[in-house]
C-alpha atoms as a PDB file:
ATOM      1  CA  MET A   1     -60.234  11.122  83.733  1.00  0.00           C
ATOM      2  CA  THR A   2     -57.539  12.797  81.579  1.00  0.00           C
ATOM      3  CA  ALA A   3     -53.836  12.226  82.572  1.00  0.00           C
ATOM      4  CA  TRP A   4     -53.442  15.630  84.218  1.00  0.00           C
ATOM      5  CA  ASP A   5     -56.482  14.993  86.726  1.00  0.00           C
ATOM      6  CA  VAL A   6     -54.628  11.639  87.626  1.00  0.00           C
ATOM      7  CA  ILE A   7     -51.180  13.584  88.052  1.00  0.00           C
ATOM      8  CA  GLY A   8     -53.284  16.678  90.077  1.00  0.00           C
ATOM      9  CA  PHE A   9     -55.048  13.640  92.188  1.00  0.00           C
ATOM     10  CA  LEU A  10     -51.637  12.041  93.107  1.00  0.00           C
ATOM     11  CA  LEU A  11     -49.897  15.674  93.621  1.00  0.00           C
ATOM     12  CA  VAL A  12     -52.846  16.099  96.597  1.00  0.00           C
ATOM     13  CA  LEU A  13     -52.154  12.483  97.677  1.00  0.00           C
ATOM     14  CA  ALA A  14     -48.244  13.197  98.030  1.00  0.00           C
ATOM     15  CA  THR A  15     -49.075  16.631  99.635  1.00  0.00           C
ATOM     16  CA  ALA A  16     -51.186  15.271 102.222  1.00  0.00           C
ATOM     17  CA  ALA A  17     -48.713  12.507 102.890  1.00  0.00           C
ATOM     18  CA  GLY A  18     -45.948  14.894 102.987  1.00  0.00           C
ATOM     19  CA  ILE A  19     -47.686  16.975 105.812  1.00  0.00           C
ATOM     20  CA  ILE A  20     -48.550  13.952 107.632  1.00  0.00           C
ATOM     21  CA  ILE A  21     -44.448  12.739 107.927  1.00  0.00           C
ATOM     22  CA  PHE A  22     -43.477  16.243 108.662  1.00  0.00           C
ATOM     23  CA  SER A  23     -46.373  16.738 111.346  1.00  0.00           C
ATOM     24  CA  SER A  24     -44.948  13.426 113.202  1.00  0.00           C
ATOM     25  CA  LYS A  25     -43.207  14.156 116.618  1.00  0.00           C
ATOM     26  CA  GLN A  26     -40.074  12.126 115.556  1.00  0.00           C
ATOM     27  CA  VAL A  27     -39.267  13.982 112.517  1.00  0.00           C
ATOM     28  CA  ARG A  28     -40.107  17.363 114.029  1.00  0.00           C
ATOM     29  CA  GLY A  29     -37.571  16.163 116.783  1.00  0.00           C
ATOM     30  CA  LYS A  30     -34.659  15.504 114.417  1.00  0.00           C
ATOM     31  CA  TYR A  31     -35.517  17.919 111.944  1.00  0.00           C
ATOM     32  CA  PRO A  32     -36.510  21.163 113.794  1.00  0.00           C
ATOM     33  CA  ALA A  33     -38.016  24.254 111.523  1.00  0.00           C
ATOM     34  CA  LEU A  34     -36.193  26.915 110.504  1.00  0.00           C
ATOM     35  CA  PHE A  35     -38.000  30.358 110.047  1.00  0.00           C
ATOM     36  CA  ARG A  36     -36.661  33.193 108.298  1.00  0.00           C
ATOM     37  CA  LYS A  37     -37.831  36.521 109.801  1.00  0.00           C
ATOM     38  CA  ILE A  38     -40.941  37.941 108.068  1.00  0.00           C
ATOM     39  CA  PRO A  39     -40.751  41.589 109.781  1.00  0.00           C
ATOM     40  CA  ALA A  40     -44.548  42.292 109.004  1.00  0.00           C
ATOM     41  CA  ILE A  41     -45.487  39.477 110.708  1.00  0.00           C
ATOM     42  CA  THR A  42     -43.205  40.426 113.564  1.00  0.00           C
ATOM     43  CA  ARG A  43     -44.824  43.448 113.887  1.00  0.00           C
ATOM     44  CA  LEU A  44     -48.366  42.167 113.868  1.00  0.00           C
ATOM     45  CA  LYS A  45     -47.487  39.808 117.018  1.00  0.00           C
ATOM     46  CA  ARG A  46     -46.539  43.092 118.527  1.00  0.00           C
ATOM     47  CA  ALA A  47     -49.561  44.970 117.666  1.00  0.00           C
ATOM     48  CA  VAL A  48     -51.915  42.353 119.145  1.00  0.00           C
ATOM     49  CA  GLY A  49     -49.670  42.257 122.383  1.00  0.00           C
ATOM     50  CA  LEU A  50     -50.169  46.308 122.462  1.00  0.00           C
ATOM     51  CA  SER A  51     -54.193  45.513 121.854  1.00  0.00           C
ATOM     52  CA  VAL A  52     -54.070  43.494 124.844  1.00  0.00           C
ATOM     53  CA  GLU A  53     -52.287  45.728 126.835  1.00  0.00           C
ATOM     54  CA  ASP A  54     -54.369  49.111 126.348  1.00  0.00           C
ATOM     55  CA  GLY A  55     -57.691  46.940 126.262  1.00  0.00           C
ATOM     56  CA  SER A  56     -58.664  47.422 122.376  1.00  0.00           C
ATOM     57  CA  ARG A  57     -59.924  45.087 119.816  1.00  0.00           C
ATOM     58  CA  VAL A  58     -58.059  43.363 116.595  1.00  0.00           C
ATOM     59  CA  HIS A  59     -60.383  43.750 113.826  1.00  0.00           C
ATOM     60  CA  VAL A  60     -59.587  40.683 110.981  1.00  0.00           C
ATOM     61  CA  THR A  61     -61.385  41.136 107.571  1.00  0.00           C
ATOM     62  CA  LEU A  62     -61.417  37.956 105.591  1.00  0.00           C
ATOM     63  CA  GLY A  63     -62.380  39.773 101.932  1.00  0.00           C
ATOM     64  CA  LYS A  64     -65.097  38.968  99.280  1.00  0.00           C
ATOM     65  CA  ALA A  65     -64.410  35.268  98.377  1.00  0.00           C
ATOM     66  CA  ASP A  66     -67.198  32.550  97.887  1.00  0.00           C
ATOM     67  CA  LEU A  67     -67.003  29.954 100.186  1.00  0.00           C
ATOM     68  CA  THR A  68     -67.933  27.545  97.224  1.00  0.00           C
ATOM     69  CA  GLU A  69     -65.487  29.243  94.694  1.00  0.00           C
ATOM     70  CA  ALA A  70     -61.850  27.946  94.288  1.00  0.00           C
ATOM     71  CA  ALA A  71     -60.470  31.505  95.091  1.00  0.00           C
ATOM     72  CA  ASN A  72     -61.468  31.260  98.685  1.00  0.00           C
ATOM     73  CA  THR A  73     -58.111  29.592  99.854  1.00  0.00           C
ATOM     74  CA  SER A  74     -56.552  32.777 101.020  1.00  0.00           C
ATOM     75  CA  THR A  75     -59.430  33.495 103.175  1.00  0.00           C
ATOM     76  CA  LEU A  76     -59.226  29.701 104.768  1.00  0.00           C
ATOM     77  CA  VAL A  77     -55.724  31.329 105.741  1.00  0.00           C
ATOM     78  CA  GLY A  78     -57.709  33.962 107.308  1.00  0.00           C
ATOM     79  CA  LEU A  79     -59.848  32.237 109.468  1.00  0.00           C
ATOM     80  CA  SER A  80     -56.794  30.234 110.701  1.00  0.00           C
ATOM     81  CA  ALA A  81     -54.995  33.711 111.203  1.00  0.00           C
ATOM     82  CA  LEU A  82     -58.146  34.404 112.916  1.00  0.00           C
ATOM     83  CA  HIS A  83     -58.019  31.807 115.694  1.00  0.00           C
ATOM     84  CA  SER A  84     -54.280  32.185 116.076  1.00  0.00           C
ATOM     85  CA  ILE A  85     -54.922  36.013 117.148  1.00  0.00           C
ATOM     86  CA  GLY A  86     -57.758  34.829 119.176  1.00  0.00           C
ATOM     87  CA  GLN A  87     -55.261  32.961 121.204  1.00  0.00           C
ATOM     88  CA  LEU A  88     -52.732  35.600 121.338  1.00  0.00           C
ATOM     89  CA  SER A  89     -54.992  37.940 122.836  1.00  0.00           C
ATOM     90  CA  ALA A  90     -57.118  35.470 125.220  1.00  0.00           C
ATOM     91  CA  ASN A  91     -55.901  37.299 128.114  1.00  0.00           C
ATOM     92  CA  SER A  92     -57.989  40.446 126.656  1.00  0.00           C
ATOM     93  CA  ASP A  93     -61.548  40.937 127.561  1.00  0.00           C
ATOM     94  CA  GLN A  94     -62.036  42.389 124.158  1.00  0.00           C
ATOM     95  CA  PRO A  95     -62.102  39.147 121.838  1.00  0.00           C
ATOM     96  CA  PRO A  96     -61.386  40.128 118.051  1.00  0.00           C
ATOM     97  CA  ILE A  97     -63.901  41.265 115.696  1.00  0.00           C
ATOM     98  CA  CYS A  98     -64.444  39.493 112.092  1.00  0.00           C
ATOM     99  CA  THR A  99     -66.211  40.930 108.890  1.00  0.00           C
ATOM    100  CA  SER A 100     -66.227  39.063 105.554  1.00  0.00           C
ATOM    101  CA  GLY A 101     -68.071  39.557 102.117  1.00  0.00           C
ATOM    102  CA  ASP A 102     -69.672  35.941 102.106  1.00  0.00           C
ATOM    103  CA  GLY A 103     -72.476  34.527 104.261  1.00  0.00           C
ATOM    104  CA  GLY A 104     -70.734  31.369 104.453  1.00  0.00           C
ATOM    105  CA  PHE A 105     -67.165  32.494 105.801  1.00  0.00           C
ATOM    106  CA  ALA A 106     -69.330  34.511 108.027  1.00  0.00           C
ATOM    107  CA  LEU A 107     -70.721  31.634 109.898  1.00  0.00           C
ATOM    108  CA  LEU A 108     -67.347  29.641 109.756  1.00  0.00           C
ATOM    109  CA  SER A 109     -65.692  33.108 111.797  1.00  0.00           C
ATOM    110  CA  LYS A 110     -68.543  32.870 114.401  1.00  0.00           C
ATOM    111  CA  ASP A 111     -67.388  29.323 114.988  1.00  0.00           C
ATOM    112  CA  VAL A 112     -63.603  29.993 114.944  1.00  0.00           C
ATOM    113  CA  LEU A 113     -64.525  32.700 117.492  1.00  0.00           C
ATOM    114  CA  ARG A 114     -66.773  30.159 119.585  1.00  0.00           C
ATOM    115  CA  ALA A 115     -63.855  27.507 119.597  1.00  0.00           C
ATOM    116  CA  VAL A 116     -61.146  29.999 120.596  1.00  0.00           C
ATOM    117  CA  ALA A 117     -63.468  31.041 123.603  1.00  0.00           C
ATOM    118  CA  MET A 118     -63.783  27.175 124.320  1.00  0.00           C
ATOM    119  CA  GLU A 119     -60.251  26.499 123.973  1.00  0.00           C
ATOM    120  CA  THR A 120     -59.075  29.507 126.266  1.00  0.00           C
ATOM    121  CA  ASN A 121     -61.858  29.562 128.758  1.00  0.00           C
ATOM    122  CA  THR A 122     -63.245  33.045 127.970  1.00  0.00           C
ATOM    123  CA  ARG A 123     -66.570  31.707 127.175  1.00  0.00           C
ATOM    124  CA  GLU A 124     -68.140  34.636 129.019  1.00  0.00           C
ATOM    125  CA  TYR A 125     -66.441  36.969 126.611  1.00  0.00           C
ATOM    126  CA  TYR A 126     -67.913  35.191 123.200  1.00  0.00           C
ATOM    127  CA  ASP A 127     -69.985  37.139 121.394  1.00  0.00           C
ATOM    128  CA  PRO A 128     -71.295  35.478 117.894  1.00  0.00           C
ATOM    129  CA  ASP A 129     -72.405  38.854 116.644  1.00  0.00           C
ATOM    130  CA  LEU A 130     -68.226  39.764 116.600  1.00  0.00           C
ATOM    131  CA  GLY A 131     -68.263  37.507 113.365  1.00  0.00           C
ATOM    132  CA  TYR A 132     -70.675  38.590 110.756  1.00  0.00           C
ATOM    133  CA  LEU A 133     -71.374  39.920 106.981  1.00  0.00           C
ATOM    134  CA  SER A 134     -70.581  43.259 106.365  1.00  0.00           C
ATOM    135  CA  GLY A 135     -71.823  43.873 102.723  1.00  0.00           C
ATOM    136  CA  ALA A 136     -73.041  41.284  99.890  1.00  0.00           C
ATOM    137  CA  THR A 137     -70.825  43.160  97.066  1.00  0.00           C
ATOM    138  CA  PRO A 138     -67.346  44.264  96.954  1.00  0.00           C
ATOM    139  CA  PHE A 139     -67.930  47.824  98.091  1.00  0.00           C
ATOM    140  CA  SER A 140     -70.563  47.634 100.450  1.00  0.00           C
ATOM    141  CA  TYR A 141     -68.564  44.571 102.498  1.00  0.00           C
ATOM    142  CA  ALA A 142     -65.769  47.300 102.253  1.00  0.00           C
ATOM    143  CA  LEU A 143     -67.953  49.588 103.567  1.00  0.00           C
ATOM    144  CA  GLY A 144     -69.232  47.460 106.459  1.00  0.00           C
ATOM    145  CA  ALA A 145     -65.879  46.493 107.412  1.00  0.00           C
ATOM    146  CA  LEU A 146     -64.811  50.080 107.866  1.00  0.00           C
ATOM    147  CA  ASP A 147     -67.496  51.006 110.148  1.00  0.00           C
ATOM    148  CA  ALA A 148     -67.107  47.894 111.828  1.00  0.00           C
ATOM    149  CA  LEU A 149     -63.304  49.107 112.328  1.00  0.00           C
ATOM    150  CA  GLU A 150     -64.481  52.236 113.662  1.00  0.00           C
ATOM    151  CA  GLU A 151     -67.097  51.680 116.019  1.00  0.00           C
ATOM    152  CA  SER A 152     -65.062  49.071 117.479  1.00  0.00           C
ATOM    153  CA  GLY A 153     -62.225  50.747 118.318  1.00  0.00           C
ATOM    154  CA  ALA A 154     -59.898  48.064 117.075  1.00  0.00           C
ATOM    155  CA  LYS A 155     -56.059  49.657 117.092  1.00  0.00           C
ATOM    156  CA  THR A 156     -55.251  46.531 114.951  1.00  0.00           C
ATOM    157  CA  ASN A 157     -56.218  45.983 111.602  1.00  0.00           C
ATOM    158  CA  VAL A 158     -55.770  42.616 109.539  1.00  0.00           C
ATOM    159  CA  LEU A 159     -56.613  41.746 105.915  1.00  0.00           C
ATOM    160  CA  ILE A 160     -56.168  38.405 104.964  1.00  0.00           C
ATOM    161  CA  GLY A 161     -58.454  36.853 102.044  1.00  0.00           C
ATOM    162  CA  ASN A 162     -59.285  37.706  98.298  1.00  0.00           C
ATOM    163  CA  PHE A 163     -59.663  41.355  97.857  1.00  0.00           C
ATOM    164  CA  GLY A 164     -60.501  43.485  94.691  1.00  0.00           C
ATOM    165  CA  VAL A 165     -59.935  47.130  93.898  1.00  0.00           C
ATOM    166  CA  GLU A 166     -61.799  47.627  97.228  1.00  0.00           C
ATOM    167  CA  ALA A 167     -58.502  47.000  98.523  1.00  0.00           C
ATOM    168  CA  GLY A 168     -57.690  50.684  98.280  1.00  0.00           C
ATOM    169  CA  TRP A 169     -60.279  52.033  99.874  1.00  0.00           C
ATOM    170  CA  LEU A 170     -60.152  49.339 102.803  1.00  0.00           C
ATOM    171  CA  THR A 171     -56.298  50.114 103.458  1.00  0.00           C
ATOM    172  CA  GLY A 172     -56.490  53.896 102.657  1.00  0.00           C
ATOM    173  CA  ASN A 173     -59.321  54.642 104.980  1.00  0.00           C
ATOM    174  CA  ALA A 174     -58.003  51.942 107.881  1.00  0.00           C
ATOM    175  CA  GLU A 175     -54.551  54.440 108.532  1.00  0.00           C
ATOM    176  CA  LYS A 176     -57.194  56.761 109.999  1.00  0.00           C
ATOM    177  CA  HIS A 177     -58.303  54.518 112.587  1.00  0.00           C
ATOM    178  CA  ALA A 178     -56.005  51.898 113.243  1.00  0.00           C
ATOM    179  CA  GLN A 179     -52.194  52.131 114.356  1.00  0.00           C
ATOM    180  CA  PHE A 180     -51.281  48.966 112.611  1.00  0.00           C
ATOM    181  CA  THR A 181     -52.591  47.074 109.244  1.00  0.00           C
ATOM    182  CA  LEU A 182     -51.307  43.867 107.903  1.00  0.00           C
ATOM    183  CA  ALA A 183     -52.662  43.237 104.520  1.00  0.00           C
ATOM    184  CA  ALA A 184     -52.262  39.894 102.695  1.00  0.00           C
ATOM    185  CA  SER A 185     -54.291  38.428  99.238  1.00  0.00           C
ATOM    186  CA  ASP A 186     -53.803  36.030  96.856  1.00  0.00           C
ATOM    187  CA  SER A 187     -55.312  38.478  94.125  1.00  0.00           C
ATOM    188  CA  LEU A 188     -52.162  40.479  92.284  1.00  0.00           C
ATOM    189  CA  VAL A 189     -54.677  43.557  92.004  1.00  0.00           C
ATOM    190  CA  ALA A 190     -54.694  43.452  95.889  1.00  0.00           C
ATOM    191  CA  GLN A 191     -51.234  42.956  96.296  1.00  0.00           C
ATOM    192  CA  ALA A 192     -50.461  45.755  93.947  1.00  0.00           C
ATOM    193  CA  VAL A 193     -52.811  47.922  95.995  1.00  0.00           C
ATOM    194  CA  PHE A 194     -51.530  46.673  99.283  1.00  0.00           C
ATOM    195  CA  MET A 195     -47.886  47.962  97.923  1.00  0.00           C
ATOM    196  CA  ALA A 196     -48.931  51.388  97.654  1.00  0.00           C
ATOM    197  CA  THR A 197     -51.250  51.801 100.111  1.00  0.00           C
ATOM    198  CA  SER A 198     -49.924  49.557 103.263  1.00  0.00           C
ATOM    199  CA  GLN A 199     -46.790  49.925 105.311  1.00  0.00           C
ATOM    200  CA  ASP A 200     -47.010  46.003 106.573  1.00  0.00           C
ATOM    201  CA  PHE A 201     -48.278  43.735 103.997  1.00  0.00           C
ATOM    202  CA  VAL A 202     -47.075  40.217 102.796  1.00  0.00           C
ATOM    203  CA  ILE A 203     -46.574  39.060  99.172  1.00  0.00           C
ATOM    204  CA  GLY A 204     -47.224  35.988  97.294  1.00  0.00           C
ATOM    205  CA  GLU A 205     -46.702  32.502  98.998  1.00  0.00           C
ATOM    206  CA  GLU A 206     -45.894  34.338 102.410  1.00  0.00           C
ATOM    207  CA  LEU A 207     -49.690  34.832 102.887  1.00  0.00           C
ATOM    208  CA  TYR A 208     -49.821  30.957 103.537  1.00  0.00           C
ATOM    209  CA  ALA A 209     -46.882  31.145 106.391  1.00  0.00           C
ATOM    210  CA  VAL A 210     -48.881  33.743 108.302  1.00  0.00           C
ATOM    211  CA  PRO A 211     -50.559  31.100 110.492  1.00  0.00           C
ATOM    212  CA  ALA A 212     -47.287  29.060 111.166  1.00  0.00           C
ATOM    213  CA  TYR A 213     -45.610  32.119 112.274  1.00  0.00           C
ATOM    214  CA  LEU A 214     -48.519  33.274 114.592  1.00  0.00           C
ATOM    215  CA  ALA A 215     -48.765  29.910 116.194  1.00  0.00           C
ATOM    216  CA  TYR A 216     -46.403  26.934 115.963  1.00  0.00           C
ATOM    217  CA  ARG A 217     -48.652  24.255 115.343  1.00  0.00           C
ATOM    218  CA  PRO A 218     -47.094  20.992 113.442  1.00  0.00           C
ATOM    219  CA  ALA A 219     -49.376  20.690 110.884  1.00  0.00           C
ATOM    220  CA  HIS A 220     -48.966  24.474 109.811  1.00  0.00           C
ATOM    221  CA  ILE A 221     -44.990  23.980 110.304  1.00  0.00           C
ATOM    222  CA  ALA A 222     -45.340  20.493 107.968  1.00  0.00           C
ATOM    223  CA  SER A 223     -47.114  22.567 105.174  1.00  0.00           C
ATOM    224  CA  LEU A 224     -44.262  25.284 105.065  1.00  0.00           C
ATOM    225  CA  ARG A 225     -42.068  22.292 104.584  1.00  0.00           C
ATOM    226  CA  VAL A 226     -44.206  20.518 101.733  1.00  0.00           C
ATOM    227  CA  GLN A 227     -44.521  23.885 100.100  1.00  0.00           C
ATOM    228  CA  ASP A 228     -40.577  24.241  99.921  1.00  0.00           C
ATOM    229  CA  ILE A 229     -40.233  20.593  98.693  1.00  0.00           C
ATOM    230  CA  LEU A 230     -42.883  21.891  95.597  1.00  0.00           C
ATOM    231  CA  ARG A 231     -41.088  24.762  94.907  1.00  0.00           C
ATOM    232  CA  PHE A 232     -37.760  23.337  94.565  1.00  0.00           C
ATOM    233  CA  LEU A 233     -39.226  20.496  92.720  1.00  0.00           C
ATOM    234  CA  VAL A 234     -41.182  22.657  90.044  1.00  0.00           C
ATOM    235  CA  GLY A 235     -38.106  24.622  89.747  1.00  0.00           C
ATOM    236  CA  GLY A 236     -36.163  22.212  88.927  1.00  0.00           C
ATOM    237  CA  ALA A 237     -38.583  20.646  86.515  1.00  0.00           C
ATOM    238  CA  LEU A 238     -38.534  24.329  84.688  1.00  0.00           C
ATOM    239  CA  LEU A 239     -34.802  24.424  84.797  1.00  0.00           C
ATOM    240  CA  ILE A 240     -34.561  20.384  83.147  1.00  0.00           C
ATOM    241  CA  GLY A 241     -37.415  21.522  80.436  1.00  0.00           C
ATOM    242  CA  ALA A 242     -35.422  24.629  79.649  1.00  0.00           C
ATOM    243  CA  LEU A 243     -32.278  22.543  79.430  1.00  0.00           C
ATOM    244  CA  LEU A 244     -33.975  19.809  76.909  1.00  0.00           C
ATOM    245  CA  LYS A 245     -35.679  22.676  75.112  1.00  0.00           C
ATOM    246  CA  SER A 246     -32.267  24.311  74.158  1.00  0.00           C
ATOM    247  CA  LEU A 247     -30.877  20.870  73.436  1.00  0.00           C
ATOM    248  CA  GLY A 248     -33.409  20.142  71.039  1.00  0.00           C
ATOM    249  CA  LEU A 249     -34.662  17.126  73.023  1.00  0.00           C
ATOM    250  CA  LEU A 250     -37.838  18.562  73.851  1.00  0.00           C
END
């Protein structure tokens, strides 16, 4: 094990400890969280509410990341967002529909929808077929996701996960069928495409804030606080390194 492995392991432990500490009731009561406004997420919550009112579905698509790869973190965020959206739309008889480009995440989406049905006492509306694999390759997945959006009559479309160039096809065609589309990804290619083709998108680490903004769970809020602390630490380390380098001490 190298020194970097040890540092990485300690960083993971520190992050987990920070989330546990900031999730505690005592800390939350003494230091309440302050959220800045992210207009795209505010409009998403409004769009979900309108979908409940008009009896239409919300379509969530998770991208093409493999469950066993490191690039799946954004798709895990998408699953968490699916859970929150399912709870927000619990008053509707049309639960969300979820598509993905990986079989593992398709199974997880089914489990998330089942958990929402159990938590909100809407078991009669649960259908395991609402979470499925829409395609095994990036473009077949995108085509299947668009078909699901059109056939389900969804008016709200949410793209959260790892996407490639097929993201332009998804957002470009989604505008024809959905009244609202929110796009978010950890992929730089997808972020560039979303900025050019979608009106509502989140950039960079805002992706990881989506679950916390949709449902104020202690663990989600604590994770944002830990992210802020790590961001300040990294920024401070960069400034100190640059200063030491300029003084010839590094």
